[in-house]
Amino acid sequence: MKGLIRVRMKANLDALKTEIERYLEESGIAIFYGCSRELERGSAVYWDCENVPGYRQFVGAAKAAGSKLVVFRQKEFSADQVDDAIEQLEACDLPREEYRELERRLNEMRAYSGFVCSIELSFDHQGRIYVFDLRTEWYKNLVEILDEIQVMDASSGDDTPMSGYFSKN
């Protein structure tokens, strides 16, 4: 596609955040600094950031839809997320080597503390939310690890339904 430049994912999206804010202002679109729209998934349509990572095309779609306002959210990574994940990991019943591997991978993420790890732009049109959700590769990896831990933690619980609520007499 002519004019489409493949964006090489950076470890820190801070410079891109500033560039996007400037572009939105120059485009005449108001910026509303809001929370993630992730919880509104039922009515959300997500931009294909893998194949079309350019935010300018997304902003162009917002303008074409008549939007004069874009919700902007950036997420800055904190090493506290690693601490929480390791705490959850400790609750899992894992073989020693598997535990150490996950712990090592999590601790590697500490190097990204303070980095902007995701940028989300969204606008509303005819009852739907259109979302541009760009994440760094390392943050995608962290989310996958957190999902793994959550599944393992859920499966390591007591198998008895509503354990503790019924007498076994």
Foldseek 3Di string as FASTA:
>chain_A
DPPQDDDDFDLFCVVVLVVVVVVLVVVQAAEAADDDCVVVVVQEDEDPCVVRVDVVVVVVVCVVLVHRYKYKYWDFDALVVLVVLLVLLVLFDDPPVVSVVLNVLSVVCNVRHGGGFWMKIWDDHPRHIYIYIDGGPSVVVVVVSSVVSVVRSVVRDDPDPPPPPDDPD
